[in-house]
Amino acid sequence: MLSDKKFTKNYISENQKRLKQRQKKLVSGLKKVGISCLKSNAGLFCWVDMRHLLSSNTFEAEIDLWKKIVYDVKLNISPGSSCHCIEPGWF
């Protein structure tokens, strides 16, 4: 399948288009509820800025927020500390 040049060209093109559409939808939805993201052109991941939702500017507060999101919202997102982010509040 991957040796089929026509297929792979179309697949990559369609995949890029779909990723861009979903990235725009995610960023737009988060913006509507007051959450911003770092600017990007598309991809599988997005840096989401939730610093304003922290109870304090600490990694402990980031983990507390993460737990609320996981247990109350039922959405498992990665806290920035798990990706070695140097500032708390990024997911």
N, C-alpha and C. Protein backbone atom coordinates (compact mmCIF):
# COMPACT_ATOMS: atom_id res chain seq x y z
N MET A 1 0.83 -1.18 0.00
CA MET A 1 0.00 0.00 0.00
C MET A 1 0.89 1.26 0.00
N LEU A 2 1.92 1.26 0.84
CA LEU A 2 2.78 2.44 0.92
C LEU A 2 3.67 2.61 -0.30
N SER A 3 3.84 1.55 -1.08
CA SER A 3 4.62 1.68 -2.31
C SER A 3 3.80 2.28 -3.45
N ASP A 4 2.49 2.40 -3.24
CA ASP A 4 1.61 3.01 -4.23
C ASP A 4 1.74 4.53 -4.11
N LYS A 5 2.52 5.13 -5.01
CA LYS A 5 2.83 6.58 -4.92
C LYS A 5 1.58 7.44 -4.98
N LYS A 6 0.63 7.08 -5.83
CA LYS A 6 -0.61 7.86 -5.94
C LYS A 6 -1.39 7.82 -4.62
N PHE A 7 -1.50 6.63 -4.06
CA PHE A 7 -2.22 6.48 -2.80
C PHE A 7 -1.55 7.29 -1.70
N THR A 8 -0.23 7.13 -1.54
CA THR A 8 0.45 7.82 -0.46
C THR A 8 0.39 9.34 -0.62
N LYS A 9 0.49 9.82 -1.84
CA LYS A 9 0.39 11.27 -2.08
C LYS A 9 -0.99 11.77 -1.66
N ASN A 10 -2.04 11.06 -2.08
CA ASN A 10 -3.40 11.46 -1.72
C ASN A 10 -3.65 11.31 -0.22
N TYR A 11 -3.12 10.24 0.37
CA TYR A 11 -3.30 10.01 1.79
C TYR A 11 -2.66 11.14 2.60
N ILE A 12 -1.43 11.48 2.29
CA ILE A 12 -0.73 12.53 3.03
C ILE A 12 -1.46 13.86 2.87
N SER A 13 -1.88 14.16 1.67
CA SER A 13 -2.60 15.41 1.42
C SER A 13 -3.91 15.47 2.23
N GLU A 14 -4.67 14.40 2.19
CA GLU A 14 -5.95 14.35 2.91
C GLU A 14 -5.71 14.39 4.42
N ASN A 15 -4.70 13.69 4.89
CA ASN A 15 -4.39 13.67 6.31
C ASN A 15 -4.00 15.08 6.79
N GLN A 16 -3.18 15.78 6.04
CA GLN A 16 -2.79 17.14 6.40
C GLN A 16 -4.02 18.05 6.45
N LYS A 17 -4.90 17.91 5.48
CA LYS A 17 -6.12 18.73 5.44
C LYS A 17 -6.99 18.47 6.67
N ARG A 18 -7.17 17.21 7.02
CA ARG A 18 -8.00 16.86 8.17
C ARG A 18 -7.38 17.32 9.49
N LEU A 19 -6.06 17.17 9.61
CA LEU A 19 -5.39 17.64 10.82
C LEU A 19 -5.56 19.15 10.98
N LYS A 20 -5.43 19.88 9.89
CA LYS A 20 -5.57 21.34 9.94
C LYS A 20 -7.00 21.72 10.34
N GLN A 21 -7.99 21.03 9.79
CA GLN A 21 -9.39 21.31 10.13
C GLN A 21 -9.66 21.05 11.62
N ARG A 22 -9.16 19.96 12.12
CA ARG A 22 -9.39 19.62 13.53
C ARG A 22 -8.64 20.56 14.45
N GLN A 23 -7.45 20.97 14.05
CA GLN A 23 -6.69 21.93 14.85
C GLN A 23 -7.44 23.24 14.94
N LYS A 24 -7.98 23.71 13.82
CA LYS A 24 -8.75 24.96 13.82
C LYS A 24 -9.99 24.83 14.70
N LYS A 25 -10.67 23.68 14.64
CA LYS A 25 -11.87 23.45 15.44
C LYS A 25 -11.52 23.43 16.93
N LEU A 26 -10.43 22.76 17.29
CA LEU A 26 -10.00 22.71 18.69
C LEU A 26 -9.67 24.10 19.20
N VAL A 27 -8.84 24.83 18.49
CA VAL A 27 -8.41 26.16 18.92
C VAL A 27 -9.61 27.10 19.01
N SER A 28 -10.50 27.03 18.05
CA SER A 28 -11.69 27.88 18.05
C SER A 28 -12.59 27.57 19.26
N GLY A 29 -12.80 26.29 19.53
CA GLY A 29 -13.64 25.90 20.66
C GLY A 29 -13.04 26.33 21.99
N LEU A 30 -11.74 26.15 22.13
CA LEU A 30 -11.08 26.58 23.37
C LEU A 30 -11.14 28.10 23.53
N LYS A 31 -10.96 28.81 22.43
CA LYS A 31 -11.00 30.28 22.47
C LYS A 31 -12.37 30.77 22.96
N LYS A 32 -13.43 30.08 22.55
CA LYS A 32 -14.79 30.47 22.95
C LYS A 32 -14.99 30.39 24.47
N VAL A 33 -14.22 29.53 25.13
CA VAL A 33 -14.35 29.41 26.58
C VAL A 33 -13.18 30.07 27.32
N GLY A 34 -12.43 30.91 26.61
CA GLY A 34 -11.39 31.70 27.24
C GLY A 34 -10.06 31.01 27.43
N ILE A 35 -9.79 29.97 26.65
CA ILE A 35 -8.52 29.25 26.74
C ILE A 35 -7.78 29.42 25.43
N SER A 36 -6.53 29.89 25.53
CA SER A 36 -5.75 30.10 24.31
C SER A 36 -4.74 28.98 24.12
N CYS A 37 -4.17 28.94 22.92
CA CYS A 37 -3.17 27.95 22.55
C CYS A 37 -2.01 28.66 21.88
N LEU A 38 -0.86 28.02 21.89
CA LEU A 38 0.25 28.56 21.12
C LEU A 38 -0.07 28.43 19.65
N LYS A 39 0.34 29.41 18.88
CA LYS A 39 0.07 29.41 17.45
C LYS A 39 0.80 28.25 16.79
N SER A 40 0.09 27.54 15.94
CA SER A 40 0.67 26.44 15.17
C SER A 40 -0.11 26.32 13.86
N ASN A 41 0.43 25.53 12.95
CA ASN A 41 -0.25 25.40 11.66
C ASN A 41 -1.05 24.11 11.55
N ALA A 42 -0.92 23.21 12.47
CA ALA A 42 -1.66 21.95 12.54
C ALA A 42 -0.74 20.91 13.15
N GLY A 43 -1.28 19.76 13.46
CA GLY A 43 -0.49 18.68 14.03
C GLY A 43 -1.30 17.84 14.98
N LEU A 44 -0.65 16.85 15.55
CA LEU A 44 -1.33 15.94 16.46
C LEU A 44 -1.45 16.51 17.86
N PHE A 45 -0.66 17.53 18.18
CA PHE A 45 -0.63 18.08 19.52
C PHE A 45 -0.78 19.59 19.47
N CYS A 46 -1.24 20.14 20.58
CA CYS A 46 -1.44 21.58 20.68
C CYS A 46 -1.09 21.99 22.10
N TRP A 47 -0.26 23.04 22.27
CA TRP A 47 0.05 23.55 23.60
C TRP A 47 -1.08 24.46 24.05
N VAL A 48 -1.78 24.05 25.09
CA VAL A 48 -2.94 24.77 25.59
C VAL A 48 -2.54 25.52 26.86
N ASP A 49 -2.86 26.80 26.90
CA ASP A 49 -2.48 27.67 28.03
C ASP A 49 -3.61 27.72 29.05
N MET A 50 -3.42 27.04 30.17
CA MET A 50 -4.41 27.06 31.24
C MET A 50 -3.82 27.65 32.51
N ARG A 51 -2.82 28.49 32.35
CA ARG A 51 -2.18 29.11 33.52
C ARG A 51 -3.18 29.89 34.35
N HIS A 52 -4.14 30.53 33.68
CA HIS A 52 -5.12 31.33 34.41
C HIS A 52 -6.08 30.49 35.25
N LEU A 53 -6.08 29.19 35.06
CA LEU A 53 -6.95 28.30 35.82
C LEU A 53 -6.25 27.67 37.02
N LEU A 54 -4.95 27.93 37.17
CA LEU A 54 -4.21 27.36 38.29
C LEU A 54 -4.56 28.11 39.58
N SER A 55 -4.58 27.38 40.69
CA SER A 55 -4.82 28.01 41.99
C SER A 55 -3.57 28.75 42.47
N SER A 56 -2.41 28.33 41.99
CA SER A 56 -1.14 29.02 42.25
C SER A 56 -0.19 28.67 41.10
N ASN A 57 0.87 29.41 40.98
CA ASN A 57 1.80 29.22 39.87
C ASN A 57 2.82 28.13 40.22
N THR A 58 2.33 26.91 40.43
CA THR A 58 3.19 25.80 40.81
C THR A 58 2.83 24.55 40.01
N PHE A 59 3.78 23.62 39.96
CA PHE A 59 3.50 22.36 39.29
C PHE A 59 2.52 21.51 40.09
N GLU A 60 2.47 21.72 41.40
CA GLU A 60 1.48 21.01 42.22
C GLU A 60 0.07 21.47 41.83
N ALA A 61 -0.10 22.77 41.60
CA ALA A 61 -1.41 23.29 41.18
C ALA A 61 -1.76 22.77 39.78
N GLU A 62 -0.74 22.62 38.94
CA GLU A 62 -0.98 22.06 37.60
C GLU A 62 -1.51 20.64 37.71
N ILE A 63 -0.91 19.84 38.58
CA ILE A 63 -1.37 18.46 38.77
C ILE A 63 -2.77 18.44 39.37
N ASP A 64 -3.06 19.35 40.29
CA ASP A 64 -4.43 19.45 40.85
C ASP A 64 -5.44 19.76 39.75
N LEU A 65 -5.10 20.70 38.86
CA LEU A 65 -5.99 21.03 37.74
C LEU A 65 -6.14 19.84 36.81
N TRP A 66 -5.04 19.16 36.53
CA TRP A 66 -5.08 17.97 35.67
C TRP A 66 -6.02 16.93 36.25
N LYS A 67 -5.93 16.69 37.56
CA LYS A 67 -6.81 15.71 38.21
C LYS A 67 -8.28 16.11 38.07
N LYS A 68 -8.58 17.40 38.22
CA LYS A 68 -9.96 17.87 38.04
C LYS A 68 -10.44 17.61 36.62
N ILE A 69 -9.58 17.87 35.67
CA ILE A 69 -9.95 17.65 34.26
C ILE A 69 -10.17 16.16 34.00
N VAL A 70 -9.27 15.33 34.51
CA VAL A 70 -9.39 13.88 34.30
C VAL A 70 -10.64 13.32 34.98
N TYR A 71 -10.82 13.63 36.27
CA TYR A 71 -11.89 13.00 37.03
C TYR A 71 -13.26 13.67 36.86
N ASP A 72 -13.30 14.98 36.70
CA ASP A 72 -14.58 15.67 36.58
C ASP A 72 -15.03 15.81 35.13
N VAL A 73 -14.11 16.17 34.25
CA VAL A 73 -14.45 16.38 32.84
C VAL A 73 -14.34 15.08 32.05
N LYS A 74 -13.56 14.13 32.58
CA LYS A 74 -13.32 12.83 31.93
C LYS A 74 -12.53 12.98 30.64
N LEU A 75 -11.56 13.90 30.67
CA LEU A 75 -10.69 14.14 29.53
C LEU A 75 -9.25 14.04 30.02
N ASN A 76 -8.50 13.12 29.45
CA ASN A 76 -7.11 12.95 29.87
C ASN A 76 -6.20 13.71 28.92
N ILE A 77 -5.73 14.85 29.39
CA ILE A 77 -4.76 15.62 28.63
C ILE A 77 -3.44 15.58 29.42
N SER A 78 -2.35 15.79 28.74
CA SER A 78 -1.05 15.71 29.40
C SER A 78 -0.68 17.05 30.02
N PRO A 79 -0.38 17.05 31.32
CA PRO A 79 0.12 18.29 31.91
C PRO A 79 1.50 18.60 31.34
N GLY A 80 1.81 19.87 31.21
CA GLY A 80 3.09 20.26 30.65
C GLY A 80 4.28 19.69 31.38
N SER A 81 4.15 19.52 32.69
CA SER A 81 5.27 18.96 33.47
C SER A 81 5.64 17.57 32.98
N SER A 82 4.69 16.81 32.45
CA SER A 82 5.00 15.47 31.94
C SER A 82 5.78 15.53 30.63
N CYS A 83 5.80 16.71 30.02
CA CYS A 83 6.55 16.93 28.77
C CYS A 83 7.76 17.82 29.01
N HIS A 84 8.14 17.98 30.28
CA HIS A 84 9.30 18.78 30.69
C HIS A 84 9.13 20.27 30.41
N CYS A 85 7.89 20.74 30.40
CA CYS A 85 7.65 22.17 30.25
C CYS A 85 8.19 22.87 31.49
N ILE A 86 8.84 24.00 31.31
CA ILE A 86 9.47 24.67 32.45
C ILE A 86 8.54 25.63 33.19
N GLU A 87 7.31 25.79 32.68
CA GLU A 87 6.34 26.71 33.30
C GLU A 87 5.04 25.96 33.56
N PRO A 88 4.50 26.00 34.77
CA PRO A 88 3.25 25.30 35.05
C PRO A 88 2.06 25.95 34.35
N GLY A 89 1.08 25.11 34.03
CA GLY A 89 -0.16 25.61 33.45
C GLY A 89 -0.34 25.35 31.97
N TRP A 90 0.67 24.77 31.35
CA TRP A 90 0.56 24.41 29.92
C TRP A 90 0.22 22.93 29.82
N PHE A 91 -0.71 22.62 28.95
CA PHE A 91 -1.15 21.24 28.75
C PHE A 91 -1.04 20.89 27.28
